[in-house]
Amino acid sequence: MNFYNCFDQQGKLIARCQTINDIEVLKKRGRPIGEIKEMKNEESVVCSLTGSPSDFNRDY
């Protein structure tokens, strides 16, 4: 399972997404996504153990 970090133009983390579709939803909502980085496997494991990436997304 892949997870993605979404950053704004200043490099601030604004969301963690599980799928590319989640990223597209954020874009449609007008979130200023400047960069998307796929998380490393060890980072993804932490997300899956601690909760859903959507828990981090305050828009959901």
Protein backbone atom coordinates (compact mmCIF):
# COMPACT_ATOMS: atom_id res chain seq x y z
CA MET A 1 0.00 0.00 0.00
CA ASN A 2 1.37 3.40 -0.98
CA PHE A 3 0.88 6.60 0.95
CA TYR A 4 1.68 10.11 -0.23
CA ASN A 5 2.64 13.33 1.49
CA CYS A 6 1.24 16.49 -0.11
CA PHE A 7 3.05 19.77 0.44
CA ASP A 8 2.08 23.36 -0.32
CA GLN A 9 4.23 25.84 -2.28
CA GLN A 10 6.29 26.66 0.84
CA GLY A 11 7.05 23.00 1.56
CA LYS A 12 4.63 22.67 4.49
CA LEU A 13 2.89 19.30 4.84
CA ILE A 14 -0.82 19.79 4.19
CA ALA A 15 -2.12 16.22 3.78
CA ARG A 16 -1.29 12.53 3.79
CA CYS A 17 -3.16 10.56 1.16
CA GLN A 18 -3.53 6.86 0.53
CA THR A 19 -4.36 7.01 -3.18
CA ILE A 20 -3.87 9.26 -6.17
CA ASN A 21 -7.68 9.69 -6.17
CA ASP A 22 -7.46 11.24 -2.68
CA ILE A 23 -4.93 13.72 -4.06
CA GLU A 24 -7.25 14.56 -6.96
CA VAL A 25 -10.07 15.24 -4.48
CA LEU A 26 -7.84 17.69 -2.62
CA LYS A 27 -6.96 19.44 -5.88
CA LYS A 28 -10.64 19.74 -6.82
CA ARG A 29 -11.31 21.30 -3.41
CA GLY A 30 -8.72 23.94 -4.20
CA ARG A 31 -5.92 22.81 -1.90
CA PRO A 32 -2.63 24.43 -3.01
CA ILE A 33 -0.63 21.25 -3.63
CA GLY A 34 2.87 22.19 -4.75
CA GLU A 35 4.61 18.83 -4.41
CA ILE A 36 3.66 15.20 -3.86
CA LYS A 37 6.11 12.66 -2.45
CA GLU A 38 5.53 8.96 -2.03
CA MET A 39 6.23 7.88 1.52
CA LYS A 40 8.96 5.36 2.28
CA ASN A 41 7.81 1.89 3.31
CA GLU A 42 8.70 2.47 6.96
CA GLU A 43 6.68 5.72 6.99
CA SER A 44 3.70 3.97 5.38
CA VAL A 45 3.73 1.25 8.03
CA VAL A 46 3.42 3.88 10.74
CA CYS A 47 0.40 5.41 8.96
CA SER A 48 -1.34 2.06 8.63
CA LEU A 49 -0.70 1.21 12.29
CA THR A 50 -1.76 4.54 13.77
CA GLY A 51 -4.87 5.17 11.72
CA SER A 52 -6.09 6.18 8.35
CA PRO A 53 -4.23 8.85 6.39
CA SER A 54 -7.59 10.58 6.09
CA ASP A 55 -7.42 11.16 9.86
CA PHE A 56 -4.72 13.70 9.06
CA ASN A 57 -6.72 15.38 6.30
CA ARG A 58 -8.89 17.91 8.08
CA ASP A 59 -11.02 18.39 4.94
CA TYR A 60 -12.54 14.89 5.09
